[in-house]
Amino acid sequence: MNYDNLPSFGEQKCGFAALIGAPNAGKSTLSNQIAGGKISIVTHKVQTTRARIRAIAIANQTQIILVDTPGIFKPKRKLDKAMVEAAWGGAKDSDITLVIIDAAKGLNDENRNILKLLNKGNAKNIWLVLNKIDLIKNEKLLALSAEFNDFFPFEYSFMISADKGHGVKQLVAQLEQVMPESVWLYPEEQMADIPTRLLASEITREKLFLKLHDELPYSLTVETEKYTEQKDGSVRIEQIIYVQRASQKKIVLGLRGDMIKTIGQQSRMELAEILGQKVHLFLFVKVRDNWMDDPERLRQMGLDV
């Protein structure tokens, strides 16, 4: 997204800002808000983001590359470990680290542990971003910011609502000011650095997350097996939904196939809007009980193993 109405800070610049924090803190919502479009999928369920996804925004002469990372939590399986490593890798490799905090949760044990780990790591230029301030009384925000800054030496602090857009312009203006002088790494019109096949998988996974039971989404993944441009300008996409058990396959399919049909329709409509072309989407459901520990499945999701 272009922020051309911001104050200009000189020559062409470009840099990376990693968004890290606990699951469901609002990292993907903020990334989409700054980029001005659907880059990362967003649901109310935790651990929706699984891989590092780069969104791109332009502020005058500055290209800001936002690295949306998975939420940080205690890993148990290979999938968990790969997700957490992706988050820390995003922070280590960036010019700025934005710690996104759900203001309603405050300085709880989860956020304390993240900040303690940040203190031991290689992240630099760490900023506090208190999110979801529209859900908190104003008189509590300054005290909450002071509490976080007493616990950790943040370079800057911001109070925002990523969902409503409140405070985001001020955050972008500060990012523009501090980014290093550099040629741009992406064309001006590009909004994201994510393979189209992976984006297609993510859109379908979002629909599954939104439609299925609370316990099921984390047990499934989506792979785009075929992505074929057709002569008439449309695209044919074939995707496999992997689940861990036969009982989960029945849930995904639904009674008489109603659930998979609804998910396919919703995903196809959104993909057509994003891609700007007609989409023929075919979904298949397969049982693979070990997919969370399968290196090939994790690589297909954009994770390093």
Protein backbone atom coordinates (compact mmCIF):
# COMPACT_ATOMS: atom_id res chain seq x y z
CA MET A 1 0.00 0.00 0.00
CA ASN A 2 1.20 3.51 -0.72
CA TYR A 3 1.48 6.02 2.12
CA ASP A 4 2.39 8.95 -0.11
CA ASN A 5 0.76 11.51 2.16
CA LEU A 6 3.29 10.89 4.93
CA PRO A 7 6.17 13.32 5.51
CA SER A 8 9.11 12.46 3.24
CA PHE A 9 12.43 11.56 4.83
CA GLY A 10 14.82 11.80 1.91
CA GLU A 11 16.35 9.32 -0.51
CA GLN A 12 15.11 5.88 -1.48
CA LYS A 13 15.14 3.46 1.44
CA CYS A 14 14.19 -0.15 2.05
CA GLY A 15 14.13 -2.39 5.10
CA PHE A 16 12.52 -5.29 6.93
CA ALA A 17 10.23 -5.17 9.95
CA ALA A 18 9.41 -8.48 11.64
CA LEU A 19 6.09 -8.86 13.45
CA ILE A 20 6.41 -11.26 16.36
CA GLY A 21 4.30 -12.09 19.37
CA ALA A 22 1.98 -14.64 20.91
CA PRO A 23 -0.66 -16.43 18.81
CA ASN A 24 -3.69 -14.27 18.00
CA ALA A 25 -2.00 -10.99 18.95
CA GLY A 26 -3.01 -9.48 15.60
CA LYS A 27 0.21 -9.77 13.58
CA SER A 28 -1.48 -10.84 10.35
CA THR A 29 -4.22 -8.23 10.72
CA LEU A 30 -1.59 -5.51 11.10
CA SER A 31 0.41 -6.82 8.13
CA ASN A 32 -2.70 -6.77 5.95
CA GLN A 33 -3.69 -3.32 7.21
CA ILE A 34 -0.33 -1.76 6.36
CA ALA A 35 -0.04 -3.54 3.01
CA GLY A 36 -3.59 -2.58 2.11
CA GLY A 37 -4.74 -6.02 1.02
CA LYS A 38 -5.13 -9.69 1.87
CA ILE A 39 -1.60 -11.00 2.32
CA SER A 40 -1.88 -13.25 5.37
CA ILE A 41 -4.97 -15.23 6.31
CA VAL A 42 -6.73 -14.14 9.49
CA THR A 43 -9.00 -16.17 11.76
CA HIS A 44 -9.99 -16.09 15.42
CA LYS A 45 -8.15 -19.37 15.99
CA VAL A 46 -4.62 -19.44 17.37
CA GLN A 47 -1.60 -20.45 15.27
CA THR A 48 -3.31 -19.53 12.00
CA THR A 49 -0.07 -18.24 10.45
CA ARG A 50 2.41 -21.09 9.96
CA ALA A 51 5.20 -19.68 7.79
CA ARG A 52 6.96 -16.35 7.31
CA ILE A 53 5.05 -14.23 4.79
CA ARG A 54 6.33 -10.91 3.47
CA ALA A 55 3.95 -8.03 2.83
CA ILE A 56 5.18 -4.90 1.07
CA ALA A 57 4.15 -1.28 1.68
CA ILE A 58 5.42 1.96 0.13
CA ALA A 59 5.75 5.15 2.19
CA ASN A 60 7.01 7.92 -0.10
CA GLN A 61 10.56 6.86 -1.04
CA THR A 62 10.65 3.97 1.44
CA GLN A 63 9.76 0.33 0.80
CA ILE A 64 8.76 -1.38 4.04
CA ILE A 65 8.86 -5.18 3.95
CA LEU A 66 6.76 -6.65 6.74
CA VAL A 67 7.65 -10.17 7.81
CA ASP A 68 4.52 -11.74 9.28
CA THR A 69 5.62 -14.62 11.50
CA PRO A 70 3.83 -17.47 13.28
CA GLY A 71 2.80 -16.91 16.87
CA ILE A 72 5.40 -17.96 19.44
CA PHE A 73 4.35 -20.80 21.73
CA LYS A 74 5.87 -23.87 23.40
CA PRO A 75 6.61 -26.34 20.56
CA LYS A 76 5.77 -30.04 20.77
CA ARG A 77 5.99 -31.52 17.26
CA LYS A 78 8.12 -30.83 14.20
CA LEU A 79 5.45 -28.50 12.87
CA ASP A 80 5.47 -26.51 16.12
CA LYS A 81 9.25 -26.28 16.18
CA ALA A 82 9.45 -25.19 12.54
CA MET A 83 6.84 -22.48 13.17
CA VAL A 84 8.60 -21.09 16.24
CA GLU A 85 11.96 -21.17 14.45
CA ALA A 86 10.38 -19.27 11.55
CA ALA A 87 9.22 -16.59 13.98
CA TRP A 88 12.62 -16.15 15.64
CA GLY A 89 14.36 -16.27 12.27
CA GLY A 90 12.16 -13.44 11.06
CA ALA A 91 13.19 -11.30 14.03
CA LYS A 92 16.89 -12.07 13.70
CA ASP A 93 17.03 -11.19 10.01
CA SER A 94 15.09 -7.90 10.17
CA ASP A 95 16.06 -4.26 10.66
CA ILE A 96 13.20 -3.67 13.08
CA THR A 97 11.36 -6.08 15.38
CA LEU A 98 7.77 -5.15 16.20
CA VAL A 99 6.51 -7.00 19.27
CA ILE A 100 2.74 -7.19 18.81
CA ILE A 101 0.86 -7.46 22.10
CA ASP A 102 -2.82 -8.08 22.67
CA ALA A 103 -3.43 -5.21 25.09
CA ALA A 104 -6.27 -7.10 26.79
CA LYS A 105 -3.84 -9.84 27.87
CA GLY A 106 -1.24 -7.41 29.22
CA LEU A 107 2.10 -8.54 30.60
CA ASN A 108 1.11 -12.15 31.17
CA ASP A 109 3.47 -15.12 31.46
CA GLU A 110 3.32 -15.80 27.72
CA ASN A 111 4.43 -12.27 26.83
CA ARG A 112 7.04 -12.22 29.59
CA ASN A 113 8.64 -15.37 28.20
CA ILE A 114 8.74 -13.94 24.67
CA LEU A 115 10.46 -10.77 25.91
CA LYS A 116 12.95 -12.79 27.98
CA LEU A 117 13.85 -14.82 24.90
CA LEU A 118 14.16 -11.62 22.84
CA ASN A 119 16.61 -10.29 25.40
CA LYS A 120 18.82 -13.33 24.85
CA GLY A 121 18.55 -13.37 21.05
CA ASN A 122 19.96 -11.38 18.16
CA ALA A 123 16.92 -9.21 17.46
CA LYS A 124 17.61 -5.48 17.26
CA ASN A 125 15.66 -2.22 17.29
CA ILE A 126 12.76 -3.73 19.22
CA TRP A 127 9.52 -1.75 19.33
CA LEU A 128 6.41 -2.30 21.43
CA VAL A 129 3.08 -2.33 19.58
CA LEU A 130 0.08 -2.54 21.90
CA ASN A 131 -2.74 -3.80 19.69
CA LYS A 132 -6.52 -4.01 20.10
CA ILE A 133 -6.63 -0.76 22.07
CA ASP A 134 -10.23 -0.27 20.96
CA LEU A 135 -11.10 -3.01 23.45
CA ILE A 136 -9.33 -1.32 26.39
CA LYS A 137 -10.28 1.76 28.41
CA ASN A 138 -8.01 4.70 27.58
CA GLU A 139 -6.97 5.31 31.19
CA LYS A 140 -5.41 1.84 31.36
CA LEU A 141 -3.25 2.15 28.25
CA LEU A 142 -0.54 4.48 29.55
CA ALA A 143 -0.09 2.36 32.68
CA LEU A 144 0.10 -0.78 30.53
CA SER A 145 2.72 0.79 28.24
CA ALA A 146 4.75 1.87 31.28
CA GLU A 147 4.58 -1.65 32.71
CA PHE A 148 5.94 -3.17 29.51
CA ASN A 149 8.70 -0.57 29.21
CA ASP A 150 9.74 -1.15 32.82
CA PHE A 151 10.08 -4.85 32.03
CA PHE A 152 11.89 -4.47 28.68
CA PRO A 153 13.91 -1.62 27.09
CA PHE A 154 11.80 -0.94 23.99
CA GLU A 155 13.12 1.66 21.57
CA TYR A 156 9.64 2.99 20.73
CA SER A 157 6.09 2.27 21.85
CA PHE A 158 2.89 2.48 19.82
CA MET A 159 -0.78 1.98 20.62
CA ILE A 160 -2.87 0.77 17.71
CA SER A 161 -5.94 -1.09 16.57
CA ALA A 162 -4.81 -3.14 13.58
CA ASP A 163 -8.42 -4.05 12.84
CA LYS A 164 -9.71 -0.46 12.86
CA GLY A 165 -6.53 1.16 11.56
CA HIS A 166 -6.13 3.45 14.57
CA GLY A 167 -2.50 4.49 15.12
CA VAL A 168 -1.21 2.54 12.11
CA LYS A 169 -0.29 5.63 10.10
CA GLN A 170 1.95 6.87 12.93
CA LEU A 171 3.66 3.47 13.12
CA VAL A 172 4.29 3.48 9.36
CA ALA A 173 5.69 7.02 9.53
CA GLN A 174 8.24 5.95 12.15
CA LEU A 175 9.19 2.87 10.15
CA GLU A 176 9.75 5.09 7.13
CA GLN A 177 12.00 7.39 9.09
CA VAL A 178 14.35 4.71 10.44
CA MET A 179 14.67 2.33 7.48
CA PRO A 180 18.17 2.23 5.93
CA GLU A 181 19.00 3.84 2.61
CA SER A 182 18.75 1.15 -0.06
CA VAL A 183 17.36 0.42 -3.48
CA TRP A 184 13.93 -1.19 -3.40
CA LEU A 185 13.92 -4.99 -3.45
CA TYR A 186 10.50 -5.39 -5.08
CA PRO A 187 8.58 -3.68 -7.90
CA GLU A 188 6.38 -0.84 -6.70
CA GLU A 189 3.14 -2.64 -7.58
CA GLN A 190 4.01 -5.87 -5.72
CA MET A 191 2.13 -6.30 -2.43
CA ALA A 192 3.60 -9.57 -1.20
CA ASP A 193 6.39 -12.09 -1.57
CA ILE A 194 4.52 -15.39 -1.45
CA PRO A 195 4.28 -18.04 -4.20
CA THR A 196 0.86 -18.07 -5.83
CA ARG A 197 0.48 -21.80 -5.13
CA LEU A 198 1.10 -21.20 -1.42
CA LEU A 199 -1.29 -18.24 -1.38
CA ALA A 200 -3.99 -20.43 -2.92
CA SER A 201 -3.40 -23.08 -0.25
CA GLU A 202 -3.58 -20.46 2.49
CA ILE A 203 -6.91 -19.08 1.28
CA THR A 204 -8.50 -22.54 1.34
CA ARG A 205 -6.98 -23.25 4.76
CA GLU A 206 -8.51 -20.02 6.06
CA LYS A 207 -11.98 -21.13 4.93
CA LEU A 208 -11.46 -24.48 6.65
CA PHE A 209 -10.38 -22.73 9.86
CA LEU A 210 -13.46 -20.52 9.82
CA LYS A 211 -15.97 -23.28 9.11
CA LEU A 212 -14.76 -26.25 11.16
CA HIS A 213 -14.76 -27.18 14.83
CA ASP A 214 -12.29 -25.51 17.19
CA GLU A 215 -10.13 -28.60 17.63
CA LEU A 216 -9.89 -29.64 13.97
CA PRO A 217 -8.12 -26.84 11.99
CA TYR A 218 -4.72 -27.37 13.60
CA SER A 219 -4.92 -31.02 12.52
CA LEU A 220 -5.14 -30.21 8.82
CA THR A 221 -3.08 -28.60 6.09
CA VAL A 222 -3.70 -27.73 2.44
CA GLU A 223 -1.35 -28.27 -0.49
CA THR A 224 -1.81 -26.96 -4.01
CA GLU A 225 -0.88 -30.01 -6.06
CA LYS A 226 -1.57 -28.52 -9.52
CA TYR A 227 -1.85 -24.93 -10.70
CA THR A 228 -2.51 -24.74 -14.44
CA GLU A 229 -3.11 -21.63 -16.53
CA GLN A 230 -5.84 -22.39 -19.09
CA LYS A 231 -6.01 -21.15 -22.70
CA ASP A 232 -9.18 -19.16 -21.95
CA GLY A 233 -7.37 -17.09 -19.29
CA SER A 234 -8.75 -19.02 -16.32
CA VAL A 235 -6.73 -21.15 -13.90
CA ARG A 236 -7.32 -24.72 -12.75
CA ILE A 237 -6.24 -25.38 -9.16
CA GLU A 238 -6.18 -28.83 -7.57
CA GLN A 239 -5.63 -28.97 -3.83
CA ILE A 240 -5.26 -31.74 -1.27
CA ILE A 241 -6.53 -31.26 2.27
CA TYR A 242 -4.53 -33.51 4.59
CA VAL A 243 -6.10 -34.61 7.87
CA GLN A 244 -4.79 -36.95 10.54
CA ARG A 245 -7.72 -39.36 10.99
CA ALA A 246 -10.57 -40.84 8.96
CA SER A 247 -13.09 -39.28 11.36
CA GLN A 248 -11.68 -35.85 10.51
CA LYS A 249 -12.08 -36.54 6.81
CA LYS A 250 -15.80 -37.09 7.38
CA ILE A 251 -16.06 -33.72 9.14
CA VAL A 252 -14.26 -31.91 6.32
CA LEU A 253 -16.47 -33.55 3.70
CA GLY A 254 -19.65 -32.95 5.67
CA LEU A 255 -23.02 -34.60 5.24
CA ARG A 256 -23.47 -35.48 1.55
CA GLY A 257 -20.36 -33.40 0.80
CA ASP A 258 -22.02 -30.14 1.85
CA MET A 259 -19.08 -28.84 3.90
CA ILE A 260 -16.38 -29.35 1.27
CA LYS A 261 -18.69 -27.82 -1.34
CA THR A 262 -19.23 -24.68 0.75
CA ILE A 263 -15.50 -24.32 1.50
CA GLY A 264 -14.67 -24.79 -2.18
CA GLN A 265 -17.16 -22.11 -3.24
CA GLN A 266 -15.85 -19.58 -0.71
CA SER A 267 -12.22 -20.24 -1.55
CA ARG A 268 -12.83 -20.12 -5.30
CA MET A 269 -14.63 -16.76 -5.07
CA GLU A 270 -11.87 -15.14 -3.03
CA LEU A 271 -9.10 -16.57 -5.19
CA ALA A 272 -10.81 -15.26 -8.32
CA GLU A 273 -10.96 -11.80 -6.76
CA ILE A 274 -7.30 -11.87 -5.67
CA LEU A 275 -5.95 -13.35 -8.91
CA GLY A 276 -8.19 -11.34 -11.20
CA GLN A 277 -9.18 -14.38 -13.27
CA LYS A 278 -11.74 -17.16 -13.29
CA VAL A 279 -10.77 -20.05 -11.01
CA HIS A 280 -11.67 -23.73 -11.34
CA LEU A 281 -10.96 -25.20 -7.89
CA PHE A 282 -10.94 -28.92 -7.10
CA LEU A 283 -10.53 -30.10 -3.50
CA PHE A 284 -9.57 -33.60 -2.37
CA VAL A 285 -9.30 -34.86 1.21
CA LYS A 286 -6.68 -37.42 2.24
CA VAL A 287 -5.75 -38.97 5.57
CA ARG A 288 -2.09 -38.76 6.54
CA ASP A 289 -1.63 -39.27 10.26
CA ASN A 290 1.98 -38.10 10.43
CA TRP A 291 1.82 -34.97 8.27
CA MET A 292 2.81 -32.70 11.20
CA ASP A 293 6.13 -34.55 11.42
CA ASP A 294 6.61 -35.03 7.67
CA PRO A 295 9.45 -32.78 6.40
CA GLU A 296 8.02 -32.74 2.86
CA ARG A 297 4.62 -31.51 4.09
CA LEU A 298 6.31 -28.79 6.17
CA ARG A 299 8.42 -27.63 3.21
CA GLN A 300 5.25 -27.41 1.11
CA MET A 301 3.91 -25.02 3.79
CA GLY A 302 6.95 -22.76 3.37
CA LEU A 303 8.70 -23.88 6.55
CA ASP A 304 12.37 -24.74 6.88
CA VAL A 305 13.04 -28.18 8.29
